[in-house]
Amino acid sequence: MIATVIKIGGSIGQSHKLEHLMMRLSEFAGRYNIMIVPGGGALAE
Protein backbone atom coordinates (compact mmCIF):
# COMPACT_ATOMS: atom_id res chain seq x y z
CA MET A 1 0.00 0.00 0.00
CA ILE A 2 1.25 3.49 -0.86
CA ALA A 3 1.78 5.49 2.32
CA THR A 4 2.72 8.83 0.77
CA VAL A 5 2.27 10.55 -2.59
CA ILE A 6 4.87 13.17 -3.50
CA LYS A 7 4.22 15.52 -6.40
CA ILE A 8 7.29 17.00 -8.07
CA GLY A 9 6.32 20.29 -9.70
CA GLY A 10 7.32 20.99 -13.28
CA SER A 11 9.51 23.95 -12.38
CA ILE A 12 11.93 21.75 -10.43
CA GLY A 13 12.56 19.72 -13.59
CA GLN A 14 14.67 22.63 -14.82
CA SER A 15 16.39 23.18 -11.49
CA HIS A 16 19.93 22.17 -10.56
CA LYS A 17 18.39 20.81 -7.34
CA LEU A 18 16.49 17.99 -9.10
CA GLU A 19 19.36 15.49 -8.86
CA HIS A 20 19.75 16.10 -5.12
CA LEU A 21 15.99 15.77 -4.58
CA MET A 22 15.86 12.47 -6.47
CA MET A 23 18.75 11.08 -4.43
CA ARG A 24 17.00 12.01 -1.18
CA LEU A 25 13.69 10.55 -2.34
CA SER A 26 15.51 7.35 -3.30
CA GLU A 27 16.77 7.04 0.28
CA PHE A 28 13.27 7.76 1.61
CA ALA A 29 11.75 5.13 -0.72
CA GLY A 30 14.03 2.51 0.80
CA ARG A 31 12.16 2.89 4.10
CA TYR A 32 8.62 3.84 3.07
CA ASN A 33 6.13 3.02 0.32
CA ILE A 34 5.91 6.19 -1.73
CA MET A 35 4.60 7.21 -5.11
CA ILE A 36 6.24 10.08 -6.99
CA VAL A 37 3.99 11.98 -9.39
CA PRO A 38 5.44 14.38 -11.96
CA GLY A 39 3.83 17.80 -12.17
CA GLY A 40 3.35 20.07 -15.15
CA GLY A 41 5.80 21.87 -17.39
CA ALA A 42 8.74 19.87 -18.78
CA LEU A 43 7.89 16.86 -16.59
CA ALA A 44 4.45 16.50 -18.18
CA GLU A 45 5.67 16.72 -21.76
PDB file of N, CA and C in Angstrom:
ATOM      1  N   MET A   1       0.844  -1.177   0.000  1.00  0.00           N
ATOM      2  CA  MET A   1       0.000   0.000   0.000  1.00  0.00           C
ATOM      3  C   MET A   1       0.889   1.241   0.000  1.00  0.00           C
ATOM      4  N   ILE A   2       0.516   2.220  -0.800  1.00  0.00           N
ATOM      5  CA  ILE A   2       1.248   3.487  -0.862  1.00  0.00           C
ATOM      6  C   ILE A   2       0.926   4.294   0.388  1.00  0.00           C
ATOM      7  N   ALA A   3       1.958   4.713   1.100  1.00  0.00           N
ATOM      8  CA  ALA A   3       1.775   5.488   2.321  1.00  0.00           C
ATOM      9  C   ALA A   3       1.781   6.982   2.047  1.00  0.00           C
ATOM     10  N   THR A   4       2.549   7.401   1.042  1.00  0.00           N
ATOM     11  CA  THR A   4       2.723   8.826   0.770  1.00  0.00           C
ATOM     12  C   THR A   4       2.822   9.066  -0.725  1.00  0.00           C
ATOM     13  N   VAL A   5       2.153  10.114  -1.205  1.00  0.00           N
ATOM     14  CA  VAL A   5       2.268  10.546  -2.595  1.00  0.00           C
ATOM     15  C   VAL A   5       3.021  11.869  -2.598  1.00  0.00           C
ATOM     16  N   ILE A   6       4.059  11.954  -3.411  1.00  0.00           N
ATOM     17  CA  ILE A   6       4.866  13.169  -3.500  1.00  0.00           C
ATOM     18  C   ILE A   6       4.803  13.690  -4.917  1.00  0.00           C
ATOM     19  N   LYS A   7       4.295  14.901  -5.081  1.00  0.00           N
ATOM     20  CA  LYS A   7       4.216  15.523  -6.398  1.00  0.00           C
ATOM     21  C   LYS A   7       5.443  16.410  -6.602  1.00  0.00           C
ATOM     22  N   ILE A   8       6.123  16.186  -7.708  1.00  0.00           N
ATOM     23  CA  ILE A   8       7.285  17.000  -8.071  1.00  0.00           C
ATOM     24  C   ILE A   8       6.816  17.984  -9.126  1.00  0.00           C
ATOM     25  N   GLY A   9       6.790  19.259  -8.787  1.00  0.00           N
ATOM     26  CA  GLY A   9       6.316  20.291  -9.703  1.00  0.00           C
ATOM     27  C   GLY A   9       7.199  20.440 -10.935  1.00  0.00           C
ATOM     28  N   GLY A  10       6.613  20.853 -12.022  1.00  0.00           N
ATOM     29  CA  GLY A  10       7.324  20.987 -13.282  1.00  0.00           C
ATOM     30  C   GLY A  10       8.501  21.935 -13.237  1.00  0.00           C
ATOM     31  N   SER A  11       8.422  22.966 -12.425  1.00  0.00           N
ATOM     32  CA  SER A  11       9.509  23.945 -12.378  1.00  0.00           C
ATOM     33  C   SER A  11      10.802  23.358 -11.827  1.00  0.00           C
ATOM     34  N   ILE A  12      10.696  22.333 -10.978  1.00  0.00           N
ATOM     35  CA  ILE A  12      11.929  21.749 -10.431  1.00  0.00           C
ATOM     36  C   ILE A  12      12.643  20.884 -11.475  1.00  0.00           C
ATOM     37  N   GLY A  13      11.945  20.494 -12.520  1.00  0.00           N
ATOM     38  CA  GLY A  13      12.562  19.720 -13.586  1.00  0.00           C
ATOM     39  C   GLY A  13      13.666  20.482 -14.297  1.00  0.00           C
ATOM     40  N   GLN A  14      13.653  21.787 -14.205  1.00  0.00           N
ATOM     41  CA  GLN A  14      14.671  22.630 -14.823  1.00  0.00           C
ATOM     42  C   GLN A  14      15.701  23.117 -13.814  1.00  0.00           C
ATOM     43  N   SER A  15      15.534  22.699 -12.572  1.00  0.00           N
ATOM     44  CA  SER A  15      16.394  23.183 -11.488  1.00  0.00           C
ATOM     45  C   SER A  15      17.636  22.315 -11.323  1.00  0.00           C
ATOM     46  N   HIS A  16      18.711  22.920 -10.884  1.00  0.00           N
ATOM     47  CA  HIS A  16      19.925  22.170 -10.565  1.00  0.00           C
ATOM     48  C   HIS A  16      19.743  21.335  -9.297  1.00  0.00           C
ATOM     49  N   LYS A  17      18.653  21.537  -8.582  1.00  0.00           N
ATOM     50  CA  LYS A  17      18.389  20.809  -7.340  1.00  0.00           C
ATOM     51  C   LYS A  17      17.665  19.479  -7.570  1.00  0.00           C
ATOM     52  N   LEU A  18      17.252  19.208  -8.802  1.00  0.00           N
ATOM     53  CA  LEU A  18      16.490  17.995  -9.099  1.00  0.00           C
ATOM     54  C   LEU A  18      17.288  16.732  -8.758  1.00  0.00           C
ATOM     55  N   GLU A  19      18.548  16.682  -9.130  1.00  0.00           N
ATOM     56  CA  GLU A  19      19.358  15.487  -8.857  1.00  0.00           C
ATOM     57  C   GLU A  19      19.444  15.222  -7.359  1.00  0.00           C
ATOM     58  N   HIS A  20      19.674  16.258  -6.575  1.00  0.00           N
ATOM     59  CA  HIS A  20      19.748  16.100  -5.119  1.00  0.00           C
ATOM     60  C   HIS A  20      18.406  15.610  -4.563  1.00  0.00           C
ATOM     61  N   LEU A  21      17.318  16.177  -5.035  1.00  0.00           N
ATOM     62  CA  LEU A  21      15.992  15.769  -4.576  1.00  0.00           C
ATOM     63  C   LEU A  21      15.745  14.301  -4.885  1.00  0.00           C
ATOM     64  N   MET A  22      16.084  13.862  -6.090  1.00  0.00           N
ATOM     65  CA  MET A  22      15.865  12.466  -6.468  1.00  0.00           C
ATOM     66  C   MET A  22      16.707  11.513  -5.617  1.00  0.00           C
ATOM     67  N   MET A  23      17.908  11.917  -5.288  1.00  0.00           N
ATOM     68  CA  MET A  23      18.751  11.084  -4.426  1.00  0.00           C
ATOM     69  C   MET A  23      18.134  10.954  -3.038  1.00  0.00           C
ATOM     70  N   ARG A  24      17.636  12.044  -2.505  1.00  0.00           N
ATOM     71  CA  ARG A  24      17.004  12.014  -1.179  1.00  0.00           C
ATOM     72  C   ARG A  24      15.723  11.182  -1.188  1.00  0.00           C
ATOM     73  N   LEU A  25      14.930  11.330  -2.242  1.00  0.00           N
ATOM     74  CA  LEU A  25      13.695  10.548  -2.341  1.00  0.00           C
ATOM     75  C   LEU A  25      14.001   9.062  -2.492  1.00  0.00           C
ATOM     76  N   SER A  26      15.087   8.742  -3.164  1.00  0.00           N
ATOM     77  CA  SER A  26      15.507   7.351  -3.300  1.00  0.00           C
ATOM     78  C   SER A  26      15.815   6.746  -1.924  1.00  0.00           C
ATOM     79  N   GLU A  27      16.489   7.495  -1.084  1.00  0.00           N
ATOM     80  CA  GLU A  27      16.772   7.045   0.280  1.00  0.00           C
ATOM     81  C   GLU A  27      15.474   6.854   1.066  1.00  0.00           C
ATOM     82  N   PHE A  28      14.566   7.795   0.932  1.00  0.00           N
ATOM     83  CA  PHE A  28      13.272   7.760   1.608  1.00  0.00           C
ATOM     84  C   PHE A  28      12.470   6.546   1.149  1.00  0.00           C
ATOM     85  N   ALA A  29      12.506   6.249  -0.150  1.00  0.00           N
ATOM     86  CA  ALA A  29      11.753   5.135  -0.715  1.00  0.00           C
ATOM     87  C   ALA A  29      12.269   3.786  -0.213  1.00  0.00           C
ATOM     88  N   GLY A  30      13.502   3.743   0.239  1.00  0.00           N
ATOM     89  CA  GLY A  30      14.035   2.513   0.805  1.00  0.00           C
ATOM     90  C   GLY A  30      13.396   2.147   2.135  1.00  0.00           C
ATOM     91  N   ARG A  31      12.770   3.118   2.779  1.00  0.00           N
ATOM     92  CA  ARG A  31      12.161   2.892   4.100  1.00  0.00           C
ATOM     93  C   ARG A  31      10.645   2.944   4.077  1.00  0.00           C
ATOM     94  N   TYR A  32      10.067   3.628   3.100  1.00  0.00           N
ATOM     95  CA  TYR A  32       8.621   3.841   3.066  1.00  0.00           C
ATOM     96  C   TYR A  32       8.079   3.542   1.668  1.00  0.00           C
ATOM     97  N   ASN A  33       6.798   3.207   1.606  1.00  0.00           N
ATOM     98  CA  ASN A  33       6.133   3.016   0.321  1.00  0.00           C
ATOM     99  C   ASN A  33       5.643   4.372  -0.178  1.00  0.00           C
ATOM    100  N   ILE A  34       6.301   4.882  -1.203  1.00  0.00           N
ATOM    101  CA  ILE A  34       5.913   6.186  -1.729  1.00  0.00           C
ATOM    102  C   ILE A  34       5.603   6.083  -3.218  1.00  0.00           C
ATOM    103  N   MET A  35       4.867   7.061  -3.689  1.00  0.00           N
ATOM    104  CA  MET A  35       4.596   7.213  -5.109  1.00  0.00           C
ATOM    105  C   MET A  35       5.001   8.633  -5.494  1.00  0.00           C
ATOM    106  N   ILE A  36       5.812   8.769  -6.521  1.00  0.00           N
ATOM    107  CA  ILE A  36       6.244  10.076  -6.992  1.00  0.00           C
ATOM    108  C   ILE A  36       5.476  10.395  -8.256  1.00  0.00           C
ATOM    109  N   VAL A  37       4.812  11.551  -8.258  1.00  0.00           N
ATOM    110  CA  VAL A  37       3.988  11.976  -9.386  1.00  0.00           C
ATOM    111  C   VAL A  37       4.602  13.226  -9.996  1.00  0.00           C
ATOM    112  N   PRO A  38       4.903  13.177 -11.301  1.00  0.00           N
ATOM    113  CA  PRO A  38       5.445  14.377 -11.956  1.00  0.00           C
ATOM    114  C   PRO A  38       4.368  15.434 -12.124  1.00  0.00           C
ATOM    115  N   GLY A  39       4.772  16.696 -12.017  1.00  0.00           N
ATOM    116  CA  GLY A  39       3.830  17.800 -12.174  1.00  0.00           C
ATOM    117  C   GLY A  39       3.760  18.257 -13.614  1.00  0.00           C
ATOM    118  N   GLY A  40       3.504  19.518 -13.806  1.00  0.00           N
ATOM    119  CA  GLY A  40       3.345  20.070 -15.148  1.00  0.00           C
ATOM    120  C   GLY A  40       4.680  20.466 -15.771  1.00  0.00           C
ATOM    121  N   GLY A  41       4.604  21.358 -16.735  1.00  0.00           N
ATOM    122  CA  GLY A  41       5.803  21.866 -17.392  1.00  0.00           C
ATOM    123  C   GLY A  41       6.549  20.775 -18.136  1.00  0.00           C
ATOM    124  N   ALA A  42       7.875  20.824 -18.059  1.00  0.00           N
ATOM    125  CA  ALA A  42       8.735  19.874 -18.780  1.00  0.00           C
ATOM    126  C   ALA A  42       8.493  18.427 -18.327  1.00  0.00           C
ATOM    127  N   LEU A  43       8.114  18.221 -17.082  1.00  0.00           N
ATOM    128  CA  LEU A  43       7.887  16.862 -16.589  1.00  0.00           C
ATOM    129  C   LEU A  43       6.650  16.218 -17.203  1.00  0.00           C
ATOM    130  N   ALA A  44       5.684  17.019 -17.609  1.00  0.00           N
ATOM    131  CA  ALA A  44       4.451  16.502 -18.184  1.00  0.00           C
ATOM    132  C   ALA A  44       4.560  16.256 -19.693  1.00  0.00           C
ATOM    133  N   GLU A  45       5.563  16.835 -20.304  1.00  0.00           N
ATOM    134  CA  GLU A  45       5.667  16.722 -21.759  1.00  0.00           C
ATOM    135  C   GLU A  45       6.433  15.535 -22.194  1.00  0.00           C
TER     136      GLU A  45
END
